[in-house]
């Protein structure tokens, strides 16, 4: 967690001052020594002896900090959350889920307001925290940042960058009266800061692959174990159809540990629009299909009964309203040369972007 803090030059409470403090809380690098003591968990992790986790797990301290800024477990659980982990397609799946919920809310009045937390951002930090599909305004960013920083800065141990951002997202969504929230993990699951969530309504695992191996250990089975750490008792669990056969058993075993039924969602739901450019390439159809399954489950559990279920017109509107810059984005600047922008950062994603 660390307790070294040098106040920024700014002494005001602006967006710029908030960003200066946030930047000061970045961890320069994860330590190569001081491996995490996993205790009895090590025997349950596939290939656990090859674990390369080191330093303090991101979840450490989160519950205490959330209480310090005034948020009870009940207040957090009332956000009616969809918690999403995985390697590929996390952000798109989260964004589709919010867009579908927002479209349903536009017609029915529930949810009145949606919230989204994603990681990382493309251009500006505030893109991580969204309300009704739009990034939080900078004045609100500064307001809510200092509301949590004031009490936290008085403690002996200070949160790091991502821990602060996630707590700020929770604080924002509670203060803004969000009815449903979609939360993307940072890069893990079991020890991720976002896994302080104890009672999500739905949990989701997108396609898994070899990424963040330095933090999550060197095998795909081990990575699957960590990602599936977001499964919780009483929360419905969904997964994409996985590319690596050995991950399926790990996900199923972890679901059984938590006494939840895991459903694998086909990549092409018949209820998803057939010809929308928002669903190109095919992986976006898969992401949307997974998001739709999660949204249906959340609405079945939490939507007031007179409002019914999501309808074809809601799905069509949700897909058409979907936009996520930097994901299979087509840009034209008035020339005859089309530009395609994508934030692919591993071999699997680069292949899809190239297609």
Protein backbone atom coordinates (compact mmCIF):
# COMPACT_ATOMS: atom_id res chain seq x y z
CA UNK A 1 0.00 0.00 0.00
CA UNK A 2 2.78 2.42 0.84
CA UNK A 3 2.72 5.55 2.93
CA UNK A 4 5.06 7.82 0.98
CA UNK A 5 3.24 10.89 -0.26
CA UNK A 6 4.57 14.20 -1.52
CA UNK A 7 1.80 16.78 -1.93
CA UNK A 8 1.52 18.27 -5.43
CA UNK A 9 2.45 21.86 -6.06
CA UNK A 10 -1.19 22.80 -6.53
CA UNK A 11 -3.07 23.61 -3.35
CA UNK A 12 -6.44 24.07 -5.05
CA UNK A 13 -9.22 21.55 -5.63
CA UNK A 14 -9.36 21.57 -9.40
CA UNK A 15 -9.30 18.72 -11.88
CA UNK A 16 -5.62 19.46 -12.49
CA UNK A 17 -4.86 19.22 -8.76
CA UNK A 18 -6.75 15.94 -8.53
CA UNK A 19 -4.77 14.55 -11.46
CA UNK A 20 -1.49 15.63 -9.89
CA UNK A 21 -2.31 13.67 -6.74
CA UNK A 22 -3.42 10.66 -8.75
CA UNK A 23 -0.19 10.63 -10.75
CA UNK A 24 1.79 10.81 -7.52
CA UNK A 25 0.14 7.55 -6.41
CA UNK A 26 1.25 5.51 -9.42
CA UNK A 27 3.43 2.56 -8.54
CA UNK A 28 6.61 2.93 -10.59
CA UNK A 29 6.91 -0.83 -10.98
CA UNK A 30 5.75 -3.99 -9.28
CA UNK A 31 8.51 -5.32 -7.04
CA UNK A 32 10.34 -8.42 -8.28
CA UNK A 33 10.88 -9.63 -4.73
CA UNK A 34 8.55 -9.92 -1.74
CA UNK A 35 6.26 -12.55 -3.31
CA UNK A 36 2.65 -12.68 -2.15
CA UNK A 37 2.02 -15.24 0.58
CA UNK A 38 -1.02 -17.05 -0.77
CA UNK A 39 -1.23 -19.39 2.22
CA UNK A 40 -3.62 -22.32 1.79
CA UNK A 41 -4.90 -20.83 -1.49
CA UNK A 42 -1.66 -21.83 -3.20
CA UNK A 43 -2.68 -25.50 -3.19
CA UNK A 44 -5.93 -24.67 -5.00
CA UNK A 45 -4.37 -22.61 -7.79
CA UNK A 46 -3.54 -24.59 -10.93
CA UNK A 47 0.23 -24.48 -11.41
CA UNK A 48 0.30 -22.38 -8.23
CA UNK A 49 3.92 -23.15 -7.53
CA UNK A 50 4.79 -21.21 -10.67
CA UNK A 51 3.11 -18.11 -9.35
CA UNK A 52 5.00 -14.91 -10.07
CA UNK A 53 2.74 -12.61 -8.03
CA UNK A 54 4.70 -10.17 -5.92
CA UNK A 55 4.11 -7.06 -3.88
CA UNK A 56 0.90 -6.19 -2.05
CA UNK A 57 -2.31 -7.52 -3.68
CA UNK A 58 -4.49 -4.69 -4.96
CA UNK A 59 -7.47 -5.82 -2.90
CA UNK A 60 -5.53 -5.30 0.35
CA UNK A 61 -6.97 -2.37 2.31
CA UNK A 62 -9.93 -1.75 -0.01
CA UNK A 63 -12.70 -2.66 2.43
CA UNK A 64 -11.22 -0.47 5.17
CA UNK A 65 -10.72 2.46 2.81
CA UNK A 66 -14.30 2.24 1.51
CA UNK A 67 -15.57 2.37 5.06
CA UNK A 68 -13.24 5.29 5.76
CA UNK A 69 -14.89 7.31 2.99
CA UNK A 70 -18.30 6.47 4.41
CA UNK A 71 -19.66 3.62 2.28
CA UNK A 72 -21.25 0.59 3.88
CA UNK A 73 -21.49 -2.85 2.29
CA UNK A 74 -25.21 -2.27 1.74
CA UNK A 75 -24.64 1.02 -0.11
CA UNK A 76 -22.16 -0.68 -2.42
CA UNK A 77 -24.39 -3.71 -3.01
CA UNK A 78 -27.33 -1.45 -3.87
CA UNK A 79 -25.50 -0.46 -7.05
CA UNK A 80 -26.72 -3.74 -8.61
CA UNK A 81 -23.43 -4.55 -10.28
CA UNK A 82 -22.28 -6.60 -13.23
CA UNK A 83 -18.62 -7.50 -12.56
CA UNK A 84 -16.53 -8.35 -15.63
CA UNK A 85 -13.11 -10.03 -15.86
CA UNK A 86 -11.22 -11.58 -18.76
CA UNK A 87 -8.44 -10.95 -21.25
CA UNK A 88 -10.11 -9.95 -24.51
CA UNK A 89 -13.21 -7.86 -25.05
CA UNK A 90 -13.76 -6.71 -21.46
CA UNK A 91 -14.28 -3.04 -22.28
CA UNK A 92 -16.52 -3.70 -25.27
CA UNK A 93 -18.63 -6.17 -23.28
CA UNK A 94 -18.97 -3.64 -20.45
CA UNK A 95 -19.85 -0.83 -22.85
CA UNK A 96 -22.45 -2.97 -24.65
CA UNK A 97 -23.99 -3.91 -21.29
CA UNK A 98 -24.30 -0.28 -20.25
CA UNK A 99 -25.69 0.77 -23.61
CA UNK A 100 -28.33 -1.99 -23.50
CA UNK A 101 -29.32 -1.10 -19.93
CA UNK A 102 -29.43 2.59 -20.82
CA UNK A 103 -31.72 1.86 -23.79
CA UNK A 104 -34.03 -0.24 -21.61
CA UNK A 105 -34.09 2.56 -19.03
CA UNK A 106 -34.95 5.15 -21.68
CA UNK A 107 -38.13 3.20 -22.45
CA UNK A 108 -39.14 1.96 -19.01
CA UNK A 109 -37.56 4.29 -16.45
CA UNK A 110 -35.37 1.56 -14.91
CA UNK A 111 -32.52 1.99 -14.55
CA UNK A 112 -32.91 5.73 -14.12
CA UNK A 113 -29.15 6.11 -14.33
CA UNK A 114 -26.38 3.70 -15.32
CA UNK A 115 -22.76 3.71 -14.27
CA UNK A 116 -19.67 2.22 -15.87
CA UNK A 117 -16.09 1.75 -14.67
CA UNK A 118 -13.45 0.53 -17.13
CA UNK A 119 -9.69 0.19 -17.31
CA UNK A 120 -7.64 1.62 -18.92
CA UNK A 121 -8.61 4.87 -20.69
CA UNK A 122 -7.85 5.97 -24.25
CA UNK A 123 -7.15 9.72 -23.96
CA UNK A 124 -8.42 11.18 -20.67
CA UNK A 125 -8.56 9.62 -17.21
CA UNK A 126 -12.22 10.54 -16.69
CA UNK A 127 -13.18 8.11 -19.48
CA UNK A 128 -12.85 5.36 -16.85
CA UNK A 129 -15.88 6.62 -14.92
CA UNK A 130 -19.09 7.03 -16.91
CA UNK A 131 -22.67 7.98 -16.14
CA UNK A 132 -25.38 7.16 -18.66
CA UNK A 133 -22.65 6.15 -21.17
CA UNK A 134 -20.80 9.51 -20.97
CA UNK A 135 -17.50 10.24 -19.19
CA UNK A 136 -17.92 12.09 -15.91
CA UNK A 137 -17.58 15.87 -16.21
CA UNK A 138 -14.26 17.28 -15.00
CA UNK A 139 -15.87 19.44 -12.34
CA UNK A 140 -17.58 16.35 -10.90
CA UNK A 141 -14.33 14.40 -11.21
CA UNK A 142 -12.56 16.98 -9.03
CA UNK A 143 -15.47 17.25 -6.58
CA UNK A 144 -15.74 13.52 -5.95
CA UNK A 145 -11.98 12.96 -5.96
CA UNK A 146 -11.41 15.38 -3.10
CA UNK A 147 -14.42 14.03 -1.20
CA UNK A 148 -12.59 10.70 -0.93
CA UNK A 149 -9.02 12.04 -0.82
CA UNK A 150 -9.61 14.29 2.20
CA UNK A 151 -10.31 11.42 4.62
CA UNK A 152 -7.98 8.92 2.94
CA UNK A 153 -4.97 11.27 2.98
CA UNK A 154 -5.10 11.37 6.78
CA UNK A 155 -4.49 7.62 7.08
CA UNK A 156 -1.26 5.81 7.76
CA UNK A 157 -1.39 3.89 4.48
CA UNK A 158 -2.43 5.53 1.23
CA UNK A 159 -4.16 3.87 -1.73
CA UNK A 160 -2.33 3.52 -5.01
CA UNK A 161 -3.50 4.95 -8.35
CA UNK A 162 -5.93 2.23 -9.45
CA UNK A 163 -7.25 1.69 -5.95
CA UNK A 164 -8.07 5.40 -5.74
CA UNK A 165 -9.77 5.43 -9.12
CA UNK A 166 -11.98 2.47 -8.30
CA UNK A 167 -13.00 3.93 -4.94
CA UNK A 168 -13.77 7.18 -6.68
CA UNK A 169 -15.94 5.28 -9.19
CA UNK A 170 -17.90 3.63 -6.38
CA UNK A 171 -18.23 6.96 -4.55
CA UNK A 172 -19.41 8.70 -7.72
CA UNK A 173 -22.02 6.08 -8.52
CA UNK A 174 -23.42 6.14 -4.99
CA UNK A 175 -23.53 9.95 -4.88
CA UNK A 176 -25.12 10.14 -8.34
CA UNK A 177 -27.89 7.65 -7.51
CA UNK A 178 -26.89 5.02 -10.05
CA UNK A 179 -29.34 2.09 -10.24
CA UNK A 180 -27.06 -0.36 -12.05
CA UNK A 181 -23.28 -0.34 -12.50
CA UNK A 182 -20.94 -2.31 -14.72
CA UNK A 183 -17.47 -2.80 -13.26
CA UNK A 184 -14.43 -4.00 -15.23
CA UNK A 185 -11.54 -5.52 -13.33
CA UNK A 186 -8.12 -3.96 -13.78
CA UNK A 187 -6.17 -7.01 -14.94
CA UNK A 188 -6.83 -9.80 -12.49
CA UNK A 189 -9.74 -11.12 -10.51
CA UNK A 190 -9.12 -12.88 -7.19
CA UNK A 191 -6.76 -10.20 -5.82
CA UNK A 192 -7.96 -7.29 -7.95
CA UNK A 193 -9.00 -4.11 -6.14
CA UNK A 194 -12.45 -4.34 -7.72
CA UNK A 195 -13.00 -7.76 -6.12
CA UNK A 196 -13.87 -6.01 -2.88
CA UNK A 197 -17.38 -6.24 -4.37
CA UNK A 198 -19.03 -8.98 -2.30
CA UNK A 199 -22.50 -9.19 -3.82
CA UNK A 200 -22.60 -8.45 -7.54
CA UNK A 201 -25.80 -9.48 -9.29
CA UNK A 202 -23.97 -10.95 -12.29
CA UNK A 203 -20.36 -11.94 -12.96
CA UNK A 204 -18.86 -12.29 -16.43
CA UNK A 205 -15.63 -13.74 -17.82
CA UNK A 206 -14.72 -12.77 -21.38
CA UNK A 207 -12.30 -14.80 -23.58
CA UNK A 208 -9.07 -15.65 -21.77
CA UNK A 209 -5.54 -15.56 -23.11
CA UNK A 210 -1.92 -15.09 -22.14
CA UNK A 211 -1.76 -11.51 -20.93
CA UNK A 212 -0.47 -9.96 -17.69
CA UNK A 213 1.37 -13.22 -17.10
CA UNK A 214 3.98 -11.43 -14.97
CA UNK A 215 1.30 -10.54 -12.43
CA UNK A 216 -0.98 -13.57 -12.76
CA UNK A 217 1.59 -16.33 -13.36
CA UNK A 218 2.81 -18.05 -16.48
CA UNK A 219 0.11 -20.56 -17.51
CA UNK A 220 -3.36 -20.14 -18.99
CA UNK A 221 -4.88 -22.34 -16.28
CA UNK A 222 -3.45 -20.10 -13.60
CA UNK A 223 -4.76 -17.00 -15.35
CA UNK A 224 -8.21 -18.60 -15.59
CA UNK A 225 -8.16 -19.28 -11.83
CA UNK A 226 -7.42 -15.65 -11.05
CA UNK A 227 -10.02 -14.25 -13.47
CA UNK A 228 -12.73 -16.56 -12.10
CA UNK A 229 -12.04 -15.18 -8.64
CA UNK A 230 -14.85 -12.69 -9.23
CA UNK A 231 -17.47 -15.48 -9.04
CA UNK A 232 -19.62 -15.04 -5.95
CA UNK A 233 -22.35 -17.06 -4.22
CA UNK A 234 -25.84 -15.93 -5.32
CA UNK A 235 -24.45 -14.07 -8.36
CA UNK A 236 -25.25 -15.46 -11.80
CA UNK A 237 -22.09 -16.33 -13.75
CA UNK A 238 -21.55 -16.14 -17.50
CA UNK A 239 -18.55 -16.83 -19.72
CA UNK A 240 -17.73 -16.47 -23.37
CA UNK A 241 -17.02 -19.66 -25.26
CA UNK A 242 -13.32 -20.02 -24.46
CA UNK A 243 -10.54 -20.43 -27.03
CA UNK A 244 -8.40 -22.57 -24.70
CA UNK A 245 -10.01 -25.86 -23.73
CA UNK A 246 -7.98 -26.15 -20.53
CA UNK A 247 -9.56 -22.98 -19.14
CA UNK A 248 -13.09 -24.38 -19.23
CA UNK A 249 -12.54 -26.90 -16.45
CA UNK A 250 -10.84 -24.27 -14.28
CA UNK A 251 -13.79 -21.89 -14.69
CA UNK A 252 -16.28 -24.65 -13.95
CA UNK A 253 -14.38 -25.75 -10.85
CA UNK A 254 -14.20 -22.22 -9.53
CA UNK A 255 -17.92 -21.75 -10.15
CA UNK A 256 -18.58 -24.96 -8.20
CA UNK A 257 -16.42 -23.66 -5.34
CA UNK A 258 -18.70 -20.63 -5.11
CA UNK A 259 -21.85 -22.74 -5.57
CA UNK A 260 -22.93 -20.92 -8.73
CA UNK A 261 -24.06 -22.24 -12.08
CA UNK A 262 -21.76 -21.07 -14.88
CA UNK A 263 -23.35 -20.57 -18.29
CA UNK A 264 -21.25 -20.39 -21.47
CA UNK A 265 -22.82 -17.92 -23.90
CA UNK A 266 -22.73 -18.70 -27.66
CA UNK A 267 -20.87 -16.11 -29.73
CA UNK A 268 -23.83 -15.16 -31.93
CA UNK A 269 -27.12 -14.58 -30.13
CA UNK A 270 -30.11 -14.70 -32.52
CA UNK A 271 -31.49 -11.66 -30.68
CA UNK A 272 -28.56 -9.45 -31.67
CA UNK A 273 -29.17 -7.32 -34.83
CA UNK A 274 -27.80 -8.96 -37.95
CA UNK A 275 -26.49 -6.07 -40.03
CA UNK A 276 -25.33 -3.37 -37.63
CA UNK A 277 -21.86 -1.94 -38.38
CA UNK A 278 -21.43 -1.65 -34.60
CA UNK A 279 -21.16 -5.44 -34.52
CA UNK A 280 -18.26 -5.77 -36.93
CA UNK A 281 -15.97 -7.70 -36.75
CA UNK A 282 -17.41 -10.95 -35.43
CA UNK A 283 -15.83 -10.56 -31.98
CA UNK A 284 -18.12 -7.59 -31.37
CA UNK A 285 -21.14 -9.82 -31.99
CA UNK A 286 -19.72 -12.19 -29.38
CA UNK A 287 -19.12 -9.34 -26.92
CA UNK A 288 -22.64 -8.00 -27.46
CA UNK A 289 -24.17 -11.48 -27.07
CA UNK A 290 -22.34 -11.94 -23.76
CA UNK A 291 -23.41 -8.48 -22.58
CA UNK A 292 -27.03 -9.20 -23.51
CA UNK A 293 -27.04 -12.42 -21.47
CA UNK A 294 -25.68 -10.52 -18.45
CA UNK A 295 -28.20 -7.68 -18.86
CA UNK A 296 -31.13 -10.10 -19.10
CA UNK A 297 -30.00 -11.82 -15.92
CA UNK A 298 -29.63 -8.52 -14.06
CA UNK A 299 -33.04 -7.26 -15.18
CA UNK A 300 -34.69 -10.55 -14.22
CA UNK A 301 -33.22 -10.22 -10.73
CA UNK A 302 -33.60 -6.48 -10.13
CA UNK A 303 -36.06 -4.88 -12.54
CA UNK A 304 -39.50 -4.05 -11.08
CA UNK A 305 -41.82 -6.75 -12.40
CA UNK A 306 -44.36 -4.53 -14.23
CA UNK A 307 -41.62 -3.31 -16.59
CA UNK A 308 -41.07 -6.70 -18.17
CA UNK A 309 -37.91 -7.84 -19.96
CA UNK A 310 -35.65 -6.28 -22.55
CA UNK A 311 -37.35 -6.06 -25.93
CA UNK A 312 -36.01 -6.20 -29.51
CA UNK A 313 -36.38 -2.43 -29.84
CA UNK A 314 -34.28 -1.93 -26.69
CA UNK A 315 -31.57 -4.21 -28.07
CA UNK A 316 -31.55 -2.44 -31.41
CA UNK A 317 -31.35 0.99 -29.77
CA UNK A 318 -28.64 -0.19 -27.37
CA UNK A 319 -26.52 -1.49 -30.22
CA UNK A 320 -26.99 1.61 -32.35
CA UNK A 321 -26.11 3.90 -29.41
CA UNK A 322 -22.97 1.88 -28.67
CA UNK A 323 -19.67 3.60 -29.32
CA UNK A 324 -16.25 2.86 -27.94
CA UNK A 325 -13.39 4.88 -29.45
CA UNK A 326 -10.26 2.90 -30.15
CA UNK A 327 -12.07 -0.41 -30.62
CA UNK A 328 -12.36 -1.37 -34.31
CA UNK A 329 -12.98 2.32 -35.00
CA UNK A 330 -13.30 3.57 -38.58
CA UNK A 331 -12.19 7.18 -39.03
CA UNK A 332 -12.39 9.34 -42.14
CA UNK A 333 -10.73 12.76 -42.41
CA UNK A 334 -12.02 13.73 -45.81
CA UNK A 335 -9.50 11.74 -47.82
CA UNK A 336 -9.99 8.61 -49.87
CA UNK A 337 -7.92 6.59 -47.42
CA UNK A 338 -9.85 4.88 -44.61
CA UNK A 339 -8.22 4.68 -41.18
CA UNK A 340 -8.92 1.93 -38.68
CA UNK A 341 -7.98 2.52 -35.05
CA UNK A 342 -7.75 -0.18 -32.41
CA UNK A 343 -6.07 -0.52 -29.02
CA UNK A 344 -5.11 -4.17 -29.50
CA UNK A 345 -2.25 -5.01 -27.13
CA UNK A 346 -1.75 -8.77 -27.42
CA UNK A 347 -1.30 -11.24 -30.25
CA UNK A 348 -4.89 -12.47 -30.26
CA UNK A 349 -6.39 -8.98 -30.39
CA UNK A 350 -3.96 -7.75 -33.05
CA UNK A 351 -5.13 -10.55 -35.32
CA UNK A 352 -8.77 -9.51 -34.95
CA UNK A 353 -7.90 -5.85 -35.48
CA UNK A 354 -6.03 -6.74 -38.65
CA UNK A 355 -9.01 -8.73 -39.94
